[in-house]
């Protein structure tokens, strides 16, 4: 009598091993695709944050520069003898408790500069300092917007705003990830408001020794920012010239205009970075109104 074979007698060991191998390969491929997708998303998000931070910082500084030198002629005591609307320092970091940009100074982050802007307040609350606080027309000493770079409690560099409030000097963080901040000052000499040369604060201070009103001749400000993200994407050997290789190669007393990643701390090498720059002309030179 013949035995009838069962339609399914189970899977052989070899077949089972092949099936497990194929399944494992599919899982590994899916995991690799997921990691690649996540990495691409994080990198895209990091670049978007860098773009947002750079543009926001440029916009904040530009608006502050444009209102520098504003005078409220209707306010008492708004006569002549106004201080220079623009001043600055090379490769310095400020302390909150000091007056304006006076020392003692802290260690500058990557040779970052300080940009100080002065203006009168207004009775219609239209004039604001870099912290977004309205400055009144009768504010003693007028308004200040001072930009510089410092590190937060976690060691992350950030653009900060120093200003004078009702209880003294204060400082607030504006934008994280600002690794370097450089400033050049456009000097006009023909009386037409057009800058003929751009120099650092150190050079301007040196020349001002023989030309006392030279800071009053600043007609424009050129700024450059190096903004970094949090994702590693490069080999860590990048170099950045904030005002171009021509200015860097010209030399002179202007630390911080050239950043070589190889000389940065190992933890910050290879991060995604981007340069942002702008040239802003002063609107209120000579104590003009808005």
Protein backbone atom coordinates (compact mmCIF):
# COMPACT_ATOMS: atom_id res chain seq x y z
CA UNK A 1 0.00 0.00 0.00
CA UNK A 2 1.52 3.35 -1.07
CA UNK A 3 1.84 6.22 1.40
CA UNK A 4 0.35 9.52 0.32
CA UNK A 5 2.87 12.42 0.69
CA UNK A 6 1.79 15.47 2.66
CA UNK A 7 1.52 18.65 0.61
CA UNK A 8 3.92 20.48 2.99
CA UNK A 9 6.48 18.64 5.00
CA UNK A 10 8.37 21.67 6.44
CA UNK A 11 11.37 23.80 5.36
CA UNK A 12 14.82 22.31 5.05
CA UNK A 13 17.66 23.78 7.14
CA UNK A 14 19.41 25.22 4.08
CA UNK A 15 16.24 26.94 2.93
CA UNK A 16 15.71 28.37 6.41
CA UNK A 17 19.27 29.75 6.54
CA UNK A 18 18.88 31.37 3.11
CA UNK A 19 15.58 32.95 4.15
CA UNK A 20 17.14 34.31 7.38
CA UNK A 21 20.11 35.71 5.44
CA UNK A 22 17.86 37.47 2.94
CA UNK A 23 15.74 38.87 5.77
CA UNK A 24 18.84 40.11 7.61
CA UNK A 25 20.12 41.81 4.45
CA UNK A 26 16.78 43.52 3.99
CA UNK A 27 16.84 44.73 7.59
CA UNK A 28 20.42 46.02 7.26
CA UNK A 29 19.60 47.80 4.01
CA UNK A 30 16.53 49.40 5.58
CA UNK A 31 18.55 50.51 8.61
CA UNK A 32 21.28 51.98 6.39
CA UNK A 33 18.68 53.84 4.34
CA UNK A 34 17.07 55.15 7.51
CA UNK A 35 20.40 56.37 8.90
CA UNK A 36 21.33 58.01 5.59
CA UNK A 37 17.95 59.72 5.42
CA UNK A 38 18.24 60.91 9.01
CA UNK A 39 21.79 62.20 8.41
CA UNK A 40 20.67 64.08 5.29
CA UNK A 41 17.74 65.57 7.18
CA UNK A 42 19.96 66.71 10.07
CA UNK A 43 22.46 68.23 7.66
CA UNK A 44 19.72 70.01 5.73
CA UNK A 45 18.19 71.29 8.97
CA UNK A 46 21.62 72.42 10.18
CA UNK A 47 22.26 74.37 6.99
CA UNK A 48 18.83 75.97 7.23
CA UNK A 49 19.56 77.07 10.80
CA UNK A 50 22.92 78.50 9.74
CA UNK A 51 21.23 80.43 6.93
CA UNK A 52 18.57 81.75 9.28
CA UNK A 53 21.12 82.74 11.93
CA UNK A 54 23.40 84.47 9.45
CA UNK A 55 20.66 86.47 7.78
CA UNK A 56 19.07 87.39 11.11
CA UNK A 57 22.38 88.61 12.56
CA UNK A 58 23.13 90.67 9.44
CA UNK A 59 19.65 92.21 9.60
CA UNK A 60 19.95 93.10 13.31
CA UNK A 61 23.32 94.78 12.88
CA UNK A 62 22.29 96.56 9.68
CA UNK A 63 19.22 98.11 11.27
CA UNK A 64 21.28 99.28 14.24
CA UNK A 65 23.94 100.84 11.98
CA UNK A 66 21.31 102.73 9.97
CA UNK A 67 19.90 104.40 13.06
CA UNK A 68 23.33 105.26 14.51
CA UNK A 69 23.86 109.01 14.82
CA UNK A 70 20.17 109.88 14.99
CA UNK A 71 19.63 113.16 16.89
CA UNK A 72 16.40 114.31 18.49
CA UNK A 73 16.72 118.05 18.04
CA UNK A 74 13.52 118.71 20.01
CA UNK A 75 14.95 117.18 23.18
CA UNK A 76 16.63 119.40 25.73
CA UNK A 77 20.39 119.45 25.45
CA UNK A 78 20.51 117.96 21.95
CA UNK A 79 22.87 120.61 20.71
CA UNK A 80 26.28 120.23 19.10
CA UNK A 81 29.23 118.25 20.33
CA UNK A 82 27.61 114.85 19.78
CA UNK A 83 29.90 111.84 20.19
CA UNK A 84 30.86 109.81 17.15
CA UNK A 85 27.92 107.57 16.20
CA UNK A 86 30.24 104.64 15.51
CA UNK A 87 33.19 103.26 17.44
CA UNK A 88 34.76 99.88 17.89
CA UNK A 89 37.54 97.59 19.04
CA UNK A 90 39.64 94.92 17.40
CA UNK A 91 39.87 91.41 18.85
CA UNK A 92 38.16 92.11 22.17
CA UNK A 93 35.32 90.73 24.29
CA UNK A 94 33.41 93.06 26.60
CA UNK A 95 32.41 92.72 30.22
CA UNK A 96 28.83 93.53 31.16
CA UNK A 97 29.59 95.74 34.14
CA UNK A 98 31.96 98.15 32.38
CA UNK A 99 30.89 101.45 30.87
CA UNK A 100 30.21 101.16 27.13
CA UNK A 101 33.24 99.65 25.43
CA UNK A 102 35.66 100.58 28.19
CA UNK A 103 38.02 97.94 29.59
CA UNK A 104 39.06 95.70 31.18
CA UNK A 105 38.33 93.28 28.36
CA UNK A 106 37.90 89.54 28.14
CA UNK A 107 39.43 87.13 25.69
CA UNK A 108 38.03 87.55 22.19
CA UNK A 109 36.49 84.52 20.45
CA UNK A 110 38.65 83.87 17.35
CA UNK A 111 39.77 87.49 17.30
CA UNK A 112 36.22 88.84 17.02
CA UNK A 113 35.65 92.60 17.00
CA UNK A 114 33.34 94.96 18.90
CA UNK A 115 30.98 97.39 17.15
CA UNK A 116 29.43 100.21 19.21
CA UNK A 117 26.64 102.44 17.90
CA UNK A 118 25.18 105.53 19.58
CA UNK A 119 21.95 107.43 18.94
CA UNK A 120 19.38 109.63 20.63
CA UNK A 121 16.08 108.29 21.87
CA UNK A 122 12.75 109.57 20.59
CA UNK A 123 9.44 110.59 22.06
CA UNK A 124 7.43 108.26 19.82
CA UNK A 125 9.25 105.07 20.97
CA UNK A 126 10.53 104.46 17.44
CA UNK A 127 14.21 104.20 18.39
CA UNK A 128 15.29 100.83 19.82
CA UNK A 129 18.58 99.45 21.02
CA UNK A 130 19.95 96.08 19.92
CA UNK A 131 17.88 94.32 22.59
CA UNK A 132 14.67 95.71 21.08
CA UNK A 133 14.05 98.09 23.97
CA UNK A 134 12.69 101.55 23.11
CA UNK A 135 14.97 104.44 24.08
CA UNK A 136 13.19 107.55 25.35
CA UNK A 137 14.05 111.04 24.12
CA UNK A 138 15.20 112.09 27.59
CA UNK A 139 17.38 109.01 28.14
CA UNK A 140 20.59 110.22 29.82
CA UNK A 141 23.51 109.66 27.49
CA UNK A 142 21.25 108.46 24.67
CA UNK A 143 20.99 104.91 23.39
CA UNK A 144 23.70 102.32 22.81
CA UNK A 145 23.77 99.19 20.66
CA UNK A 146 27.02 97.28 21.13
CA UNK A 147 27.66 94.00 19.29
CA UNK A 148 30.34 91.49 20.22
CA UNK A 149 30.94 87.74 20.42
CA UNK A 150 31.29 85.71 23.61
CA UNK A 151 30.76 82.11 24.73
CA UNK A 152 27.71 80.94 26.63
CA UNK A 153 27.86 78.70 29.71
CA UNK A 154 28.21 75.64 27.47
CA UNK A 155 31.09 77.08 25.45
CA UNK A 156 28.98 77.85 22.35
CA UNK A 157 29.93 81.17 20.68
CA UNK A 158 27.12 83.67 20.27
CA UNK A 159 26.54 87.21 19.09
CA UNK A 160 25.65 89.38 22.05
CA UNK A 161 24.09 92.82 22.52
CA UNK A 162 25.27 95.18 25.23
CA UNK A 163 23.10 98.16 26.09
CA UNK A 164 22.41 100.56 28.93
CA UNK A 165 19.19 100.00 30.80
CA UNK A 166 17.51 101.83 33.64
CA UNK A 167 19.65 99.96 36.19
CA UNK A 168 22.97 100.06 34.39
CA UNK A 169 24.61 98.06 31.64
CA UNK A 170 23.14 94.78 30.48
CA UNK A 171 24.02 92.12 27.92
CA UNK A 172 21.77 89.69 26.06
CA UNK A 173 22.42 86.83 23.67
CA UNK A 174 21.13 87.44 20.14
CA UNK A 175 22.26 84.61 17.85
CA UNK A 176 24.02 81.33 18.68
CA UNK A 177 26.73 79.85 16.53
CA UNK A 178 28.39 83.15 15.56
CA UNK A 179 32.01 82.04 15.62
CA UNK A 180 33.69 85.17 14.30
CA UNK A 181 32.58 88.80 13.88
CA UNK A 182 34.73 91.26 11.96
CA UNK A 183 34.23 94.96 11.26
CA UNK A 184 35.84 97.47 8.89
CA UNK A 185 35.07 101.19 8.88
CA UNK A 186 34.62 103.18 5.67
CA UNK A 187 36.27 106.61 5.87
CA UNK A 188 35.13 109.42 3.57
CA UNK A 189 37.50 112.28 2.83
CA UNK A 190 35.89 114.20 -0.01
CA UNK A 191 32.84 115.48 1.84
CA UNK A 192 30.43 113.50 -0.35
CA UNK A 193 29.65 110.73 2.14
CA UNK A 194 31.33 108.04 0.01
CA UNK A 195 33.95 105.89 1.76
CA UNK A 196 37.37 106.06 0.12
CA UNK A 197 39.00 103.35 2.22
CA UNK A 198 38.02 100.68 4.73
CA UNK A 199 40.19 100.16 7.79
CA UNK A 200 40.11 98.26 11.06
CA UNK A 201 39.48 99.90 14.42
CA UNK A 202 43.18 99.56 15.27
CA UNK A 203 44.25 101.46 12.14
CA UNK A 204 41.53 104.06 12.66
CA UNK A 205 42.61 104.64 16.27
CA UNK A 206 46.22 104.97 15.14
CA UNK A 207 45.36 107.56 12.48
CA UNK A 208 42.99 109.35 14.87
CA UNK A 209 45.99 110.29 17.00
CA UNK A 210 46.82 112.94 14.38
CA UNK A 211 43.23 113.44 13.15
CA UNK A 212 41.05 113.73 16.28
CA UNK A 213 37.73 113.77 14.41
CA UNK A 214 38.48 110.74 12.23
CA UNK A 215 35.82 108.56 13.87
CA UNK A 216 33.29 111.22 12.84
CA UNK A 217 34.32 110.56 9.22
CA UNK A 218 33.03 106.99 9.25
CA UNK A 219 30.42 106.87 6.48
CA UNK A 220 29.85 103.12 6.23
CA UNK A 221 30.50 99.89 8.09
CA UNK A 222 31.51 96.62 6.50
CA UNK A 223 30.72 93.54 8.59
CA UNK A 224 31.47 89.84 8.16
CA UNK A 225 30.24 86.86 10.19
CA UNK A 226 31.35 83.25 10.29
CA UNK A 227 28.41 81.10 11.41
CA UNK A 228 28.77 77.46 12.39
CA UNK A 229 26.29 74.65 12.83
CA UNK A 230 26.30 71.48 14.91
CA UNK A 231 26.70 68.75 12.26
CA UNK A 232 30.04 67.46 11.01
CA UNK A 233 30.15 67.48 7.25
CA UNK A 234 33.67 68.46 6.22
CA UNK A 235 37.21 67.22 6.68
CA UNK A 236 38.17 69.89 9.21
CA UNK A 237 40.77 71.53 6.97
CA UNK A 238 38.72 74.45 5.66
CA UNK A 239 39.98 78.03 5.62
CA UNK A 240 37.86 81.15 5.73
CA UNK A 241 38.81 84.72 4.76
CA UNK A 242 36.06 86.93 6.15
CA UNK A 243 36.93 89.92 3.94
CA UNK A 244 38.44 87.95 1.08
CA UNK A 245 41.92 86.61 0.47
CA UNK A 246 43.12 89.97 -0.85
CA UNK A 247 42.48 91.73 2.46
CA UNK A 248 43.96 88.83 4.44
CA UNK A 249 47.12 88.72 2.32
CA UNK A 250 47.57 92.48 2.64
CA UNK A 251 48.43 91.87 6.28
CA UNK A 252 48.19 94.52 8.95
CA UNK A 253 46.96 94.52 12.56
CA UNK A 254 43.63 92.77 12.09
CA UNK A 255 43.46 89.38 13.83
CA UNK A 256 40.43 87.22 13.19
CA UNK A 257 39.93 88.01 9.51
CA UNK A 258 41.35 84.58 8.61
CA UNK A 259 40.16 81.36 10.26
CA UNK A 260 41.99 78.06 9.71
CA UNK A 261 40.00 75.10 11.04
CA UNK A 262 43.19 73.16 11.66
CA UNK A 263 44.00 75.68 14.41
CA UNK A 264 40.60 75.45 16.09
CA UNK A 265 39.83 73.07 18.97
CA UNK A 266 39.34 69.49 17.75
CA UNK A 267 35.70 69.47 18.91
CA UNK A 268 34.79 72.25 16.47
CA UNK A 269 36.62 71.02 13.38
CA UNK A 270 34.63 69.73 10.43
CA UNK A 271 31.41 71.50 11.39
CA UNK A 272 29.28 73.05 8.68
CA UNK A 273 30.09 76.75 8.35
CA UNK A 274 29.06 79.68 6.19
CA UNK A 275 30.20 83.28 5.68
CA UNK A 276 27.86 86.29 5.65
CA UNK A 277 28.84 89.86 4.88
CA UNK A 278 27.25 93.26 4.29
CA UNK A 279 28.21 96.89 3.80
CA UNK A 280 25.90 99.37 5.52
CA UNK A 281 25.97 103.13 4.98
CA UNK A 282 25.16 105.48 7.83
CA UNK A 283 22.00 107.53 7.31
CA UNK A 284 22.50 110.08 10.06
CA UNK A 285 26.00 111.39 9.61
CA UNK A 286 26.54 114.91 10.87
CA UNK A 287 23.77 114.58 13.45
CA UNK A 288 20.97 114.54 10.94
CA UNK A 289 17.44 113.54 11.76
CA UNK A 290 15.87 110.32 10.53
